[in-house]
Amino acid sequence: MSPQYGHSASRPSRRSLADSIYEILLDQLIDGTIQAGAAVNIDSLSRELSVSATPIREALARLEATGLVEREALRGYRAGQLITTEQLLQLTDARSIIEAPNARLACLNADDAFIQALRTNVSEMKSLAGQERSYGRYRKTDEEFHDLIAKQANNPFLFRAYKSLEAHVQRFRLFGAVGRSDVDHAVDEHNIIVDAIASGDPERASTAMSDHIEGVKSRALRDRANVDDHSRARPGINEKDTL
């Protein structure tokens, strides 16, 4: 097995092959198995996953739309560079502008089934926290939490704005360390959001969501500082090679 693609390369399931390949490559990009800036060799992936090049190309085309991979003329695909500090700040600010109103509206539209769905989601997140091999499932459960709230807001314009950020949030997860160091904090903050929604106080729900995203931003900035310190300790590595 090629060391570049490593442990995440399980055989695709019987569902849409391109979808399976997409999820495999997404996990590898986010967990660092495929490192930022590294070439993505379609022939190697085809041999490793025992599939033709066609579904791999389809998956890579979808990933290109997220910024997680980039296509270079005559050279093929390469993993995207890690998100910059400025982009991180811009993205989290945009999320707060959209997701805080989503939480407020979701609170106004909340019913017992919705609140139970949120609690079930957070319970699953908590069970997956700290399990290295379950990080892909944890990431999907985290996404589902925010999706549930965005849908319950019942505002199609806000929902489209929220979904437009989804690809960029995936690229944010390339920020490596934040994905794992954020786990316990995210579970606690999601619980606070659910309690706020269950209380029937829309302003409290909005504030809880804003506080959560602000917490994500603060922890990401802290991790960025750690990446910078690590880079300075390794001569010859440029900032753009690390973040």
Protein backbone atom coordinates (compact mmCIF):
# COMPACT_ATOMS: atom_id res chain seq x y z
CA MET A 1 0.00 0.00 0.00
CA SER A 2 1.29 3.44 -0.90
CA PRO A 3 2.36 5.39 2.22
CA GLN A 4 0.95 8.56 0.67
CA TYR A 5 -2.61 7.30 0.89
CA GLY A 6 -2.29 5.09 3.96
CA HIS A 7 -4.81 3.68 6.37
CA SER A 8 -7.97 5.49 5.24
CA ALA A 9 -8.09 3.72 1.88
CA SER A 10 -10.80 1.15 2.60
CA ARG A 11 -12.61 -0.45 -0.31
CA PRO A 12 -15.57 1.58 -1.57
CA SER A 13 -19.04 0.38 -0.61
CA ARG A 14 -21.68 -0.70 -3.13
CA ARG A 15 -23.32 2.72 -3.15
CA SER A 16 -22.31 5.21 -5.80
CA LEU A 17 -18.67 4.51 -6.44
CA ALA A 18 -17.77 8.15 -7.00
CA ASP A 19 -19.49 9.07 -3.72
CA SER A 20 -17.51 6.40 -1.88
CA ILE A 21 -14.24 7.57 -3.43
CA TYR A 22 -15.13 11.17 -2.59
CA GLU A 23 -15.62 10.29 1.10
CA ILE A 24 -12.38 8.28 1.22
CA LEU A 25 -10.34 11.11 -0.31
CA LEU A 26 -12.10 13.72 1.82
CA ASP A 27 -11.14 11.85 4.98
CA GLN A 28 -7.55 11.45 3.78
CA LEU A 29 -7.24 15.15 2.99
CA ILE A 30 -8.68 16.21 6.33
CA ASP A 31 -6.78 13.73 8.50
CA GLY A 32 -3.50 14.61 6.77
CA THR A 33 -2.93 11.24 5.09
CA ILE A 34 -2.73 13.26 1.87
CA GLN A 35 -0.75 16.30 2.96
CA ALA A 36 -1.43 19.85 1.86
CA GLY A 37 0.28 20.62 -1.44
CA ALA A 38 1.03 16.95 -2.22
CA ALA A 39 0.43 15.54 -5.70
CA VAL A 40 -2.59 13.24 -5.99
CA ASN A 41 -1.70 10.37 -8.30
CA ILE A 42 -4.79 8.96 -10.00
CA ASP A 43 -3.03 5.78 -11.17
CA SER A 44 -1.80 5.02 -7.64
CA LEU A 45 -5.27 5.57 -6.21
CA SER A 46 -6.79 3.38 -8.91
CA ARG A 47 -4.50 0.50 -7.99
CA GLU A 48 -4.90 1.04 -4.26
CA LEU A 49 -8.70 1.17 -4.32
CA SER A 50 -9.08 -1.42 -7.09
CA VAL A 51 -11.28 0.84 -9.19
CA SER A 52 -10.94 2.48 -12.59
CA ALA A 53 -9.69 6.03 -12.95
CA THR A 54 -13.17 7.34 -13.88
CA PRO A 55 -14.79 7.49 -10.40
CA ILE A 56 -11.55 8.86 -8.99
CA ARG A 57 -11.58 11.69 -11.52
CA GLU A 58 -15.26 12.37 -10.71
CA ALA A 59 -14.48 12.55 -7.00
CA LEU A 60 -11.49 14.82 -7.57
CA ALA A 61 -13.61 17.16 -9.70
CA ARG A 62 -16.05 17.49 -6.79
CA LEU A 63 -13.20 18.08 -4.36
CA GLU A 64 -11.78 20.74 -6.66
CA ALA A 65 -15.00 22.73 -6.17
CA THR A 66 -14.31 22.77 -2.41
CA GLY A 67 -10.73 23.99 -2.79
CA LEU A 68 -9.45 20.84 -1.10
CA VAL A 69 -7.67 19.87 -4.31
CA GLU A 70 -6.42 21.97 -7.21
CA ARG A 71 -5.99 20.97 -10.82
CA GLU A 72 -2.83 22.11 -12.58
CA ALA A 73 -2.72 22.15 -16.38
CA LEU A 74 -0.67 19.25 -17.74
CA ARG A 75 0.28 18.20 -14.21
CA GLY A 76 -2.91 16.77 -12.70
CA TYR A 77 -4.31 17.22 -9.21
CA ARG A 78 -2.61 18.46 -6.08
CA ALA A 79 -3.97 18.80 -2.54
CA GLY A 80 -4.85 22.41 -1.72
CA GLN A 81 -2.84 24.55 0.64
CA LEU A 82 -4.01 24.98 4.21
CA ILE A 83 -6.32 27.86 4.98
CA THR A 84 -4.59 31.13 5.91
CA THR A 85 -5.20 33.08 9.09
CA GLU A 86 -7.01 35.82 7.18
CA GLN A 87 -9.28 33.28 5.47
CA LEU A 88 -9.96 31.59 8.79
CA LEU A 89 -11.09 34.89 10.32
CA GLN A 90 -13.23 35.73 7.30
CA LEU A 91 -14.85 32.30 7.23
CA THR A 92 -15.73 32.19 10.92
CA ASP A 93 -17.14 35.73 10.74
CA ALA A 94 -19.32 34.71 7.78
CA ARG A 95 -20.48 31.59 9.63
CA SER A 96 -21.49 33.64 12.65
CA ILE A 97 -23.45 36.11 10.50
CA ILE A 98 -25.44 33.24 8.95
CA GLU A 99 -25.61 30.59 11.67
CA ALA A 100 -26.59 32.79 14.62
CA PRO A 101 -29.85 33.83 12.87
CA ASN A 102 -30.34 30.19 11.87
CA ALA A 103 -30.21 29.19 15.54
CA ARG A 104 -32.62 31.97 16.47
CA LEU A 105 -35.15 30.93 13.82
CA ALA A 106 -34.69 27.23 14.58
CA CYS A 107 -35.55 28.00 18.20
CA LEU A 108 -38.74 29.77 17.11
CA ASN A 109 -39.65 26.78 14.92
CA ALA A 110 -38.52 24.09 17.36
CA ASP A 111 -40.63 21.08 18.26
CA ASP A 112 -39.97 18.01 20.39
CA ALA A 113 -38.79 15.91 17.45
CA PHE A 114 -36.23 18.54 16.42
CA ILE A 115 -34.84 18.94 19.93
CA GLN A 116 -34.60 15.16 20.32
CA ALA A 117 -32.75 14.93 16.99
CA LEU A 118 -30.23 17.50 18.24
CA ARG A 119 -29.73 15.67 21.54
CA THR A 120 -29.25 12.35 19.72
CA ASN A 121 -26.69 14.01 17.47
CA VAL A 122 -24.71 15.46 20.39
CA SER A 123 -24.82 12.11 22.18
CA GLU A 124 -23.32 10.45 19.11
CA MET A 125 -20.66 13.17 18.86
CA LYS A 126 -19.71 12.58 22.48
CA SER A 127 -19.41 8.82 21.92
CA LEU A 128 -17.06 9.41 18.99
CA ALA A 129 -14.88 12.05 20.68
CA GLY A 130 -11.34 10.89 21.27
CA GLN A 131 -11.60 7.91 18.94
CA GLU A 132 -8.91 8.56 16.35
CA ARG A 133 -10.29 6.09 13.84
CA SER A 134 -13.78 7.58 14.20
CA TYR A 135 -12.79 11.14 13.33
CA GLY A 136 -14.45 10.91 9.91
CA ARG A 137 -17.74 9.92 11.52
CA TYR A 138 -17.29 12.62 14.15
CA ARG A 139 -16.78 15.23 11.42
CA LYS A 140 -19.96 14.13 9.62
CA THR A 141 -21.95 14.20 12.87
CA ASP A 142 -20.70 17.73 13.54
CA GLU A 143 -21.85 18.79 10.07
CA GLU A 144 -25.24 17.16 10.61
CA PHE A 145 -25.75 19.19 13.80
CA HIS A 146 -25.37 22.47 11.97
CA ASP A 147 -27.44 21.17 9.03
CA LEU A 148 -30.32 20.27 11.35
CA ILE A 149 -30.41 23.81 12.70
CA ALA A 150 -30.09 25.41 9.26
CA LYS A 151 -33.02 23.35 7.96
CA GLN A 152 -35.20 24.04 11.01
CA ALA A 153 -34.69 27.78 10.50
CA ASN A 154 -37.02 27.32 7.52
CA ASN A 155 -35.56 30.21 5.54
CA PRO A 156 -34.47 29.05 2.06
CA PHE A 157 -32.34 32.14 1.46
CA LEU A 158 -30.40 31.69 4.69
CA PHE A 159 -30.12 27.97 3.99
CA ARG A 160 -28.56 28.57 0.57
CA ALA A 161 -26.15 31.07 2.10
CA TYR A 162 -25.25 28.52 4.78
CA LYS A 163 -24.70 25.75 2.22
CA SER A 164 -22.52 28.03 0.10
CA LEU A 165 -20.02 28.05 2.98
CA GLU A 166 -19.97 24.27 3.32
CA ALA A 167 -17.08 23.70 0.91
CA HIS A 168 -15.02 26.36 2.66
CA VAL A 169 -15.73 24.78 6.05
CA GLN A 170 -14.33 21.53 4.64
CA ARG A 171 -11.17 23.40 3.64
CA PHE A 172 -11.04 24.90 7.13
CA ARG A 173 -10.81 21.34 8.44
CA LEU A 174 -7.51 21.02 6.59
CA PHE A 175 -6.26 23.13 9.45
CA GLY A 176 -5.27 19.75 10.92
CA ALA A 177 -4.87 20.20 14.65
CA VAL A 178 -8.06 22.19 15.18
CA GLY A 179 -10.18 19.24 14.09
CA ARG A 180 -9.01 17.14 16.99
CA SER A 181 -8.22 19.70 19.67
CA ASP A 182 -11.70 21.16 19.16
CA VAL A 183 -13.59 17.94 19.86
CA ASP A 184 -14.41 18.18 23.58
CA HIS A 185 -15.12 21.91 23.38
CA ALA A 186 -17.47 21.42 20.42
CA VAL A 187 -19.51 18.76 22.23
CA ASP A 188 -19.95 21.02 25.26
CA GLU A 189 -20.84 24.02 23.13
CA HIS A 190 -23.32 22.04 21.06
CA ASN A 191 -25.00 20.97 24.29
CA ILE A 192 -25.29 24.63 25.30
CA ILE A 193 -26.90 25.44 21.94
CA VAL A 194 -29.41 22.60 22.32
CA ASP A 195 -30.30 23.70 25.86
CA ALA A 196 -30.80 27.25 24.62
CA ILE A 197 -33.11 26.09 21.83
CA ALA A 198 -35.01 23.81 24.22
CA SER A 199 -35.50 26.75 26.59
CA GLY A 200 -37.52 28.54 23.92
CA ASP A 201 -35.35 31.66 24.13
CA PRO A 202 -34.34 32.59 20.55
CA GLU A 203 -31.85 35.27 21.61
CA ARG A 204 -30.12 32.83 23.95
CA ALA A 205 -29.93 30.31 21.09
CA SER A 206 -28.43 32.92 18.77
CA THR A 207 -25.86 33.93 21.36
CA ALA A 208 -24.95 30.30 22.06
CA MET A 209 -24.27 29.70 18.37
CA SER A 210 -22.20 32.89 18.09
CA ASP A 211 -20.20 31.88 21.17
CA HIS A 212 -19.57 28.44 19.69
CA ILE A 213 -18.24 29.79 16.41
CA GLU A 214 -16.14 32.35 18.28
CA GLY A 215 -14.72 29.48 20.33
CA VAL A 216 -13.86 27.55 17.16
CA LYS A 217 -12.10 30.64 15.84
CA SER A 218 -10.12 31.22 19.03
CA ARG A 219 -8.96 27.62 19.21
CA ALA A 220 -8.02 27.65 15.53
CA LEU A 221 -5.92 30.76 16.04
CA ARG A 222 -4.19 29.10 18.96
CA ASP A 223 -3.46 26.06 16.82
CA ARG A 224 -2.20 28.33 14.06
CA ALA A 225 0.30 29.80 16.49
CA ASN A 226 1.44 26.27 17.34
CA VAL A 227 1.89 25.49 13.62
CA ASP A 228 3.96 28.65 13.22
CA ASP A 229 6.14 27.74 16.20
CA HIS A 230 6.65 24.26 14.75
CA SER A 231 7.57 25.72 11.36
CA ARG A 232 10.14 28.07 12.85
CA ALA A 233 11.69 25.09 14.61
CA ARG A 234 12.18 23.33 11.25
CA PRO A 235 14.49 25.40 9.01
CA GLY A 236 13.70 25.46 5.33
CA ILE A 237 9.91 25.12 5.70
CA ASN A 238 7.95 28.11 4.45
CA GLU A 239 4.67 29.31 5.94
CA LYS A 240 2.84 28.49 2.73
CA ASP A 241 4.05 24.92 3.06
CA THR A 242 2.40 24.55 6.45
CA LEU A 243 -0.74 26.70 6.43
